[in-house]
Amino acid sequence: MRIHSFVILLFSVGVLAQQPELSNSEVDKFQEEVKTRASNLQTLQADFTQTKSMDMMEDETQSRGKVYFKAPELLKWEYHQPYDYKVLFKKGELHIDDEGEKSMAKAGSNALFKKLGKLVSGSVNGKLLQQTDDFHINYFKEDNHILANIKPKDEKLNRIFSEIHLTFNAENIVKSVKLLEESGDYTLIEFSNILLNQPIEDGIFE
């Protein structure tokens, strides 16, 4: 079942290169800018390319699709290649459409699942940087980008993934998410054709 693959997609690992760390004043300035942008973000839609690298596989696997976000926490991933697969986070529920085979799981009664849902949406809209009770966060310079290296404090989350790397472009928009596992496997999600605060039809989130 591809839900397993999607969970792996969200939580994977690699090696962080040595980039210069931001100073305290630079961190404060960056956090304030991201917070302002996140608070003004009503919708986001983008194409994405997902690359999965595993030691046990000789070749990387790649898939493509679109992601839609609508404040406060509506989020949908649509895979178009190499298969048709949709994942929707809506009102504390996870909806799966696996090539027409639909299923649903409630997140409200599961504290870990609820954290994972916030983690996913927070990675897309940048609000993950505000969740300092749940994560240790360090900031680095990478060319003209900012890299946030995020490690979960929660032991249960740690069992699922070890680190998340969010890369922000010059406009402080998330341009890529790298999800890392202790094994050295990782998943890289790169966004393109990003549209902010443009209308999204309600039917997208059905």
Protein backbone atom coordinates (compact mmCIF):
# COMPACT_ATOMS: atom_id res chain seq x y z
CA MET A 1 0.00 0.00 0.00
CA ARG A 2 1.40 3.40 -0.98
CA ILE A 3 0.56 5.07 2.36
CA HIS A 4 3.76 3.44 3.62
CA SER A 5 5.66 5.04 0.77
CA PHE A 6 4.05 8.40 1.56
CA VAL A 7 5.12 8.20 5.21
CA ILE A 8 8.65 7.46 4.03
CA LEU A 9 8.31 10.40 1.66
CA LEU A 10 7.61 12.68 4.57
CA PHE A 11 10.32 11.45 6.90
CA SER A 12 13.79 10.53 5.49
CA VAL A 13 17.65 11.38 5.97
CA GLY A 14 20.98 12.55 4.54
CA VAL A 15 24.23 14.19 5.58
CA LEU A 16 24.21 17.93 6.31
CA ALA A 17 27.10 19.71 4.63
CA GLN A 18 29.17 22.21 6.56
CA GLN A 19 27.55 25.59 5.98
CA PRO A 20 28.12 28.70 8.08
CA GLU A 21 25.55 29.02 10.85
CA LEU A 22 23.44 32.15 11.16
CA SER A 23 24.14 34.54 14.01
CA ASN A 24 21.48 35.13 16.66
CA SER A 25 20.51 38.45 15.09
CA GLU A 26 20.28 36.86 11.64
CA VAL A 27 18.09 34.07 13.05
CA ASP A 28 15.78 36.59 14.73
CA LYS A 29 15.45 38.59 11.49
CA PHE A 30 14.82 35.47 9.38
CA GLN A 31 12.27 34.01 11.82
CA GLU A 32 10.34 37.29 11.90
CA GLU A 33 10.28 37.48 8.08
CA VAL A 34 9.10 33.87 7.74
CA LYS A 35 6.50 34.36 10.47
CA THR A 36 5.12 37.43 8.70
CA ARG A 37 4.97 35.62 5.35
CA ALA A 38 3.34 32.56 6.94
CA SER A 39 0.70 34.67 8.69
CA ASN A 40 -0.17 36.33 5.37
CA LEU A 41 -0.26 33.05 3.45
CA GLN A 42 -3.81 32.03 2.56
CA THR A 43 -3.11 29.60 -0.28
CA LEU A 44 -0.13 27.94 -1.91
CA GLN A 45 0.03 25.69 -4.94
CA ALA A 46 3.08 24.28 -6.65
CA ASP A 47 4.46 21.46 -8.76
CA PHE A 48 6.81 19.11 -6.98
CA THR A 49 9.43 16.52 -7.83
CA GLN A 50 10.11 13.85 -5.22
CA THR A 51 13.37 11.90 -5.29
CA LYS A 52 13.87 8.91 -3.03
CA SER A 53 17.38 7.56 -2.37
CA MET A 54 17.89 4.25 -0.56
CA ASP A 55 21.13 2.34 0.06
CA MET A 56 19.42 -0.92 -0.87
CA MET A 57 18.40 0.44 -4.29
CA GLU A 58 20.95 1.12 -7.00
CA ASP A 59 18.89 3.83 -8.69
CA GLU A 60 16.95 6.70 -7.21
CA THR A 61 13.18 6.68 -7.66
CA GLN A 62 11.38 9.82 -8.77
CA SER A 63 7.76 10.92 -8.83
CA ARG A 64 5.98 14.15 -9.73
CA GLY A 65 2.78 15.92 -8.86
CA LYS A 66 1.13 19.00 -7.38
CA VAL A 67 0.67 20.23 -3.82
CA TYR A 68 -2.15 22.50 -2.63
CA PHE A 69 -2.34 24.32 0.71
CA LYS A 70 -5.15 26.48 2.11
CA ALA A 71 -4.98 28.16 5.51
CA PRO A 72 -5.16 27.13 8.21
CA GLU A 73 -4.36 23.41 7.64
CA LEU A 74 -5.94 22.11 4.44
CA LEU A 75 -3.23 20.25 2.52
CA LYS A 76 -3.36 17.98 -0.51
CA TRP A 77 -0.61 16.08 -2.34
CA GLU A 78 -1.47 14.78 -5.81
CA TYR A 79 0.94 12.34 -7.43
CA HIS A 80 0.57 12.23 -11.22
CA GLN A 81 3.70 10.27 -12.19
CA PRO A 82 4.49 7.40 -12.16
CA TYR A 83 1.13 6.60 -10.51
CA ASP A 84 -2.13 8.31 -9.54
CA TYR A 85 -2.17 8.80 -5.78
CA LYS A 86 -3.72 11.54 -3.62
CA VAL A 87 -3.28 12.40 0.07
CA LEU A 88 -5.54 14.97 1.76
CA PHE A 89 -5.22 16.34 5.31
CA LYS A 90 -8.57 17.89 6.24
CA LYS A 91 -10.29 18.61 9.58
CA GLY A 92 -8.13 16.19 11.55
CA GLU A 93 -8.57 13.42 8.99
CA LEU A 94 -6.21 11.80 6.50
CA HIS A 95 -7.90 10.84 3.21
CA ILE A 96 -6.14 8.50 0.78
CA ASP A 97 -7.12 7.95 -2.87
CA ASP A 98 -4.92 5.18 -4.29
CA GLU A 99 -5.91 4.98 -7.96
CA GLY A 100 -9.59 5.10 -7.00
CA GLU A 101 -9.32 2.99 -3.84
CA LYS A 102 -10.28 5.41 -1.05
CA SER A 103 -9.67 5.22 2.71
CA MET A 104 -9.73 7.59 5.69
CA ALA A 105 -8.09 7.75 9.12
CA LYS A 106 -8.99 10.13 11.95
CA ALA A 107 -6.12 12.05 13.48
CA GLY A 108 -7.99 13.69 16.37
CA SER A 109 -7.65 10.79 18.80
CA ASN A 110 -3.99 10.14 17.96
CA ALA A 111 -1.55 12.70 19.37
CA LEU A 112 1.35 11.48 17.23
CA PHE A 113 -0.71 11.55 14.06
CA LYS A 114 -1.84 15.09 14.88
CA LYS A 115 1.80 16.15 15.25
CA LEU A 116 2.65 14.55 11.93
CA GLY A 117 -0.18 16.46 10.25
CA LYS A 118 1.09 19.76 11.64
CA LEU A 119 4.60 18.77 10.61
CA VAL A 120 3.54 18.23 7.02
CA SER A 121 1.59 21.49 6.69
CA GLY A 122 4.25 23.35 8.69
CA SER A 123 6.91 22.20 6.23
CA VAL A 124 4.95 23.65 3.32
CA ASN A 125 3.92 27.01 4.82
CA GLY A 126 7.04 27.59 6.97
CA LYS A 127 5.20 27.52 10.31
CA LEU A 128 7.26 24.52 11.38
CA LEU A 129 9.93 27.02 12.46
CA GLN A 130 7.55 28.26 15.16
CA GLN A 131 7.15 24.81 16.73
CA THR A 132 10.13 25.10 19.06
CA ASP A 133 8.43 23.00 21.77
CA ASP A 134 8.58 19.98 19.45
CA PHE A 135 11.81 20.57 17.54
CA HIS A 136 15.43 21.68 17.85
CA ILE A 137 16.17 24.07 14.95
CA ASN A 138 19.51 25.35 13.64
CA TYR A 139 19.93 27.77 10.73
CA PHE A 140 22.64 27.85 8.08
CA LYS A 141 23.56 29.91 5.04
CA GLU A 142 23.63 28.07 1.72
CA ASP A 143 24.56 30.39 -1.16
CA ASN A 144 21.68 32.92 -1.22
CA HIS A 145 19.36 30.49 0.59
CA ILE A 146 18.64 29.71 4.22
CA LEU A 147 18.68 26.11 5.44
CA ALA A 148 16.74 25.17 8.59
CA ASN A 149 17.99 21.90 10.11
CA ILE A 150 15.14 20.51 12.26
CA LYS A 151 15.37 17.65 14.74
CA PRO A 152 12.35 16.33 16.68
CA LYS A 153 12.37 16.32 20.48
CA ASP A 154 9.56 13.79 20.70
CA GLU A 155 10.89 10.21 21.01
CA LYS A 156 8.03 8.79 18.94
CA LEU A 157 8.68 11.24 16.15
CA ASN A 158 12.36 10.34 16.36
CA ARG A 159 11.49 6.75 15.59
CA ILE A 160 9.90 7.86 12.33
CA PHE A 161 12.56 10.32 11.17
CA SER A 162 15.73 11.91 12.47
CA GLU A 163 15.95 15.26 10.66
CA ILE A 164 14.14 17.57 8.28
CA HIS A 165 15.96 20.15 6.18
CA LEU A 166 13.89 23.06 4.89
CA THR A 167 15.53 25.28 2.28
CA PHE A 168 14.11 28.77 1.80
CA ASN A 169 14.74 30.89 -1.30
CA ALA A 170 15.60 34.58 -1.37
CA GLU A 171 11.91 35.45 -0.86
CA ASN A 172 11.79 33.23 2.26
CA ILE A 173 9.51 30.68 0.57
CA VAL A 174 10.16 26.97 1.12
CA LYS A 175 11.79 25.67 -2.07
CA SER A 176 12.69 22.16 -0.92
CA VAL A 177 12.15 19.70 1.90
CA LYS A 178 14.69 16.97 2.60
CA LEU A 179 13.54 14.19 4.93
CA LEU A 180 16.13 11.99 6.51
CA GLU A 181 16.33 8.58 8.14
CA GLU A 182 19.00 7.30 10.51
CA SER A 183 19.87 4.65 7.91
CA GLY A 184 21.19 7.30 5.53
CA ASP A 185 18.20 7.02 3.18
CA TYR A 186 16.53 10.29 2.26
CA THR A 187 13.67 11.82 0.32
CA LEU A 188 14.05 15.20 -1.40
CA ILE A 189 10.96 17.18 -2.41
CA GLU A 190 11.63 20.17 -4.65
CA PHE A 191 8.95 22.75 -5.43
CA SER A 192 8.56 24.73 -8.67
CA ASN A 193 5.99 27.05 -10.27
CA ILE A 194 4.98 28.25 -6.79
CA LEU A 195 1.83 30.38 -6.64
CA LEU A 196 0.94 32.26 -3.44
CA ASN A 197 -2.49 33.55 -2.44
CA GLN A 198 -4.12 32.60 -5.74
CA PRO A 199 -7.67 31.17 -5.72
CA ILE A 200 -7.96 27.37 -5.34
CA GLU A 201 -11.26 25.72 -6.14
CA ASP A 202 -12.96 24.14 -3.10
CA GLY A 203 -13.31 20.92 -5.10
CA ILE A 204 -9.56 20.36 -4.88
CA PHE A 205 -9.95 19.54 -1.17
CA GLU A 206 -12.81 17.09 -1.60
